[in-house]
Protein backbone atom coordinates (compact mmCIF):
# COMPACT_ATOMS: atom_id res chain seq x y z
CA MET A 1 22.94 39.01 -22.63
CA ALA A 2 23.53 39.67 -18.97
CA LEU A 3 26.91 40.84 -17.96
CA LEU A 4 25.58 39.06 -14.84
CA GLU A 5 23.27 35.80 -14.40
CA LEU A 6 22.62 33.66 -11.79
CA GLU A 7 20.39 29.82 -12.20
CA ASN A 8 19.38 28.08 -9.69
CA VAL A 9 22.61 29.05 -7.30
CA ARG A 10 22.21 27.42 -4.04
CA LYS A 11 24.99 26.75 -1.03
CA SER A 12 25.08 25.64 2.27
CA TYR A 13 27.57 24.96 5.22
CA VAL A 14 28.23 22.72 8.08
CA GLY A 15 27.42 24.65 11.37
CA PRO A 16 28.98 23.44 14.91
CA ASP A 17 26.67 21.13 15.08
CA GLY A 18 26.52 18.94 12.05
CA ARG A 19 23.22 20.44 10.76
CA THR A 20 23.23 22.07 7.29
CA GLN A 21 22.90 25.13 6.73
CA PRO A 22 21.20 26.56 3.44
CA VAL A 23 22.05 30.17 3.06
CA LEU A 24 21.67 30.73 -1.10
CA ASP A 25 19.38 29.71 -2.96
CA VAL A 26 19.08 32.02 -5.89
CA ALA A 27 16.84 30.85 -8.45
CA GLU A 28 17.18 33.45 -11.20
CA PHE A 29 19.30 36.87 -11.22
CA HIS A 30 21.09 39.50 -13.56
CA VAL A 31 22.86 41.88 -13.90
CA ALA A 32 23.44 44.31 -17.16
CA ALA A 33 26.09 45.87 -18.92
CA GLY A 34 27.09 48.80 -17.48
CA ALA A 35 24.00 48.83 -14.52
CA GLN A 36 24.71 49.31 -10.95
CA VAL A 37 22.62 47.22 -8.91
CA ALA A 38 22.10 47.55 -4.85
CA LEU A 39 21.28 44.09 -2.80
CA ARG A 40 18.99 45.12 -0.05
CA GLY A 41 20.14 42.96 3.03
CA ALA A 42 20.60 42.52 7.24
CA SER A 43 23.63 40.95 8.23
CA GLY A 44 23.47 36.82 7.90
CA THR A 45 21.32 36.73 4.95
CA GLY A 46 23.64 35.59 2.75
CA LYS A 47 25.77 39.15 1.33
CA THR A 48 28.54 38.21 1.20
CA THR A 49 28.05 34.01 0.45
CA LEU A 50 26.73 35.99 -2.82
CA LEU A 51 29.35 37.88 -4.06
CA HIS A 52 32.29 35.17 -3.28
CA VAL A 53 30.26 32.88 -5.14
CA ILE A 54 29.80 34.88 -8.22
CA ALA A 55 33.46 36.26 -7.38
CA GLY A 56 34.35 32.36 -8.09
CA ILE A 57 36.54 32.46 -4.36
CA VAL A 58 33.57 29.89 -3.03
CA ALA A 59 31.65 27.36 -5.81
CA ALA A 60 27.99 27.14 -5.23
CA ASP A 61 26.12 23.32 -4.46
CA ALA A 62 24.65 24.14 -7.74
CA GLY A 63 23.31 26.03 -10.38
CA ARG A 64 25.25 27.85 -12.93
CA VAL A 65 27.01 32.28 -11.99
CA ARG A 66 27.70 33.34 -15.88
CA LEU A 67 29.82 36.50 -15.86
CA ASP A 68 30.69 38.05 -19.31
CA GLY A 69 29.62 34.80 -21.13
CA GLU A 70 31.66 32.92 -18.87
CA ASP A 71 30.30 29.97 -16.97
CA VAL A 72 32.64 30.55 -14.02
CA THR A 73 30.42 27.37 -11.62
CA ALA A 74 32.18 25.51 -15.13
CA LEU A 75 36.10 26.63 -15.00
CA PRO A 76 38.82 25.26 -12.28
CA GLU A 77 39.96 27.23 -10.13
CA ALA A 78 43.37 28.46 -11.47
CA ALA A 79 40.84 29.75 -14.60
CA ARG A 80 38.79 31.12 -12.01
CA ASP A 81 41.66 33.33 -10.40
CA ARG A 82 41.99 34.28 -13.88
CA LEU A 83 38.62 35.63 -14.77
CA ARG A 84 38.34 37.20 -11.30
CA ALA A 85 41.82 39.23 -11.66
CA THR A 86 40.36 40.71 -15.46
CA ARG A 87 37.67 40.91 -15.18
CA LEU A 88 35.49 41.88 -11.25
CA GLY A 89 36.73 44.36 -9.28
CA TYR A 90 36.22 44.30 -5.23
CA ILE A 91 36.04 46.58 -3.03
CA PHE A 92 35.89 45.09 1.34
CA GLN A 93 34.09 45.97 3.72
CA THR A 94 37.56 45.88 5.75
CA PHE A 95 39.45 47.13 2.53
CA ASN A 96 42.02 44.42 2.78
CA LEU A 97 45.15 46.97 1.94
CA LEU A 98 48.77 45.25 2.81
CA GLN A 99 49.59 47.11 4.94
CA GLY A 100 53.44 46.87 4.31
CA TYR A 101 53.35 48.75 1.15
CA THR A 102 52.26 51.73 -0.30
CA CYS A 103 48.74 52.81 -1.69
CA LEU A 104 50.54 52.55 -5.43
CA GLU A 105 52.39 49.19 -4.45
CA ASN A 106 48.59 47.82 -3.25
CA VAL A 107 47.50 48.61 -6.48
CA LEU A 108 50.46 47.21 -8.83
CA LEU A 109 49.95 44.38 -6.69
CA GLY A 110 46.08 44.03 -7.63
CA MET A 111 47.11 44.21 -11.62
CA ALA A 112 50.35 41.77 -10.91
CA PHE A 113 47.30 38.78 -11.15
CA GLY A 114 45.69 40.67 -14.16
CA PRO A 115 47.50 42.27 -17.61
CA GLY A 116 50.14 43.33 -15.71
CA PRO A 117 51.41 46.13 -14.08
CA ASP A 118 50.70 49.56 -14.77
CA PRO A 119 52.95 52.13 -12.98
CA ALA A 120 50.68 55.25 -15.54
CA ARG A 121 47.46 53.38 -14.98
CA ALA A 122 47.72 52.91 -11.26
CA GLU A 123 49.17 56.74 -10.24
CA GLN A 124 46.27 57.49 -12.68
CA LEU A 125 44.00 56.84 -10.56
CA LEU A 126 44.59 57.25 -7.14
CA ARG A 127 44.63 61.02 -8.77
CA ARG A 128 41.26 60.62 -9.22
CA VAL A 129 40.46 58.83 -6.14
CA GLY A 130 42.20 62.33 -5.17
CA LEU A 131 44.92 60.34 -3.48
CA GLY A 132 47.78 61.93 -5.73
CA ASP A 133 49.47 63.42 -2.66
CA ARG A 134 49.70 60.19 -1.05
CA LEU A 135 50.93 57.87 -3.80
CA HIS A 136 54.17 56.10 -1.36
CA HIS A 137 51.91 56.43 1.54
CA LEU A 138 51.29 53.32 3.96
CA PRO A 139 47.65 52.91 4.65
CA ARG A 140 48.38 52.92 8.26
CA GLN A 141 49.32 56.79 7.29
CA LEU A 142 46.00 57.41 5.77
CA SER A 143 42.60 58.12 7.47
CA THR A 144 39.96 55.46 7.03
CA GLY A 145 38.11 56.82 4.05
CA GLN A 146 41.70 57.55 2.22
CA GLN A 147 42.12 53.32 2.16
CA GLN A 148 38.89 52.84 1.40
CA ARG A 149 39.78 55.44 -1.84
CA VAL A 150 43.41 52.90 -2.28
CA ALA A 151 40.15 50.37 -2.08
CA VAL A 152 38.28 51.77 -5.11
CA ALA A 153 41.65 52.59 -6.87
CA ARG A 154 42.73 48.68 -7.05
CA ALA A 155 38.83 47.69 -7.33
CA LEU A 156 39.39 49.22 -11.03
CA ALA A 157 42.75 48.64 -11.89
CA ASN A 158 42.95 46.35 -14.55
CA ARG A 159 39.31 47.80 -15.88
CA PRO A 160 37.10 45.34 -14.50
CA LYS A 161 33.31 44.64 -16.34
CA LEU A 162 31.93 44.33 -12.49
CA VAL A 163 32.85 45.41 -9.79
CA LEU A 164 31.57 43.56 -6.24
CA ALA A 165 30.80 46.19 -3.27
CA ASP A 166 30.57 44.52 -0.30
CA GLU A 167 29.30 47.15 2.86
CA PRO A 168 31.41 49.06 1.40
CA THR A 169 30.87 51.99 3.49
CA GLY A 170 30.69 49.91 6.70
CA ASN A 171 34.04 51.26 8.57
CA LEU A 172 33.75 54.85 7.96
CA ASP A 173 31.63 57.92 9.54
CA HIS A 174 28.60 59.30 7.71
CA ARG A 175 30.26 62.20 5.86
CA SER A 176 33.59 59.71 4.79
CA ALA A 177 30.39 57.16 3.54
CA GLY A 178 28.61 59.43 1.71
CA ASP A 179 32.27 60.49 -0.54
CA ALA A 180 32.52 57.07 -1.13
CA LEU A 181 29.81 55.88 -2.22
CA GLN A 182 29.63 59.02 -4.97
CA LEU A 183 32.86 58.23 -5.70
CA ILE A 184 32.43 54.20 -5.80
CA ARG A 185 29.62 55.19 -8.54
CA LYS A 186 30.98 58.38 -10.63
CA ALA A 187 34.60 55.82 -11.01
CA CYS A 188 32.12 53.03 -12.41
CA ASP A 189 30.44 54.95 -14.31
CA GLU A 190 33.14 56.72 -16.07
CA ASP A 191 34.56 53.37 -16.07
CA GLY A 192 31.33 52.16 -18.23
CA THR A 193 31.36 49.26 -15.25
CA ALA A 194 28.21 47.71 -13.93
CA LEU A 195 28.36 47.89 -9.72
CA LEU A 196 26.95 44.81 -7.02
CA LEU A 197 27.16 46.92 -3.84
CA VAL A 198 25.12 45.20 -1.15
CA SER A 199 24.01 46.46 2.41
CA HIS A 200 22.34 46.97 4.98
CA ASP A 201 22.62 50.60 4.99
CA ARG A 202 19.20 52.84 4.45
CA GLU A 203 20.64 55.77 3.51
CA VAL A 204 23.41 53.70 1.04
CA LEU A 205 20.61 52.25 -0.30
CA ALA A 206 18.08 55.28 -1.19
CA GLN A 207 21.02 56.71 -3.82
CA PHE A 208 20.52 53.11 -6.60
CA PRO A 209 17.26 53.39 -8.50
CA ASP A 210 17.59 49.56 -9.09
CA CYS A 211 17.17 48.70 -5.14
CA ARG A 212 16.42 44.81 -4.49
CA ASP A 213 15.84 43.18 -1.65
CA LEU A 214 18.11 39.80 -1.47
CA ALA A 215 15.43 38.04 0.50
CA GLU A 216 13.24 38.35 -2.41
CA ILE A 217 15.25 36.23 -5.28
CA ASN A 218 17.17 34.15 -2.26
CA ARG A 219 14.41 31.66 -0.41
CA ALA A 220 17.11 30.59 1.81
CA ALA A 221 17.18 34.21 3.43
CA ALA A 222 13.08 34.57 2.89
């Protein structure tokens, strides 16, 4: 059984003109446990919506999303929140760090929604991503690349089965983007965590032997 399975997943939005705009129409999509998969897609092709549906942040209009044997689409909101907290990690393009909290506190807060805060693991993760000397720095005291490293540590904090990465290098310069991508892939590999990354950046996508075109699985984007 695949770790992640999508079957006949559809999602539409109503535009300002009142017309229904299909965004997702995915007949079938699978990600195996421990796999690292990239999805190629231009802006507006449904990349973020796809990740949000997988994570249960947005409800699909139809179809089934199964994660680690659990049907996400059949769960009530509170159960989706628990599943997301314990089995999913999410790396946002804009990092979404809490600006009034230190690096360590940002990771600990991510743990609070799962098994509970584990200061030793939080510190160990930050050291793994090269921020052992920045534990008590606020996000504004970090470079953009360092903020991304905090986001990676937070995504792995609860030992998820799957990490979703939404254009994770989009706000980084060329060198930092390469470093961040290597870090994300290595961290997931070391923890045996599957990775699903979406991007339009050819250099990022070229690093993934398993790179698929979103238009090939999403009929709404074709």
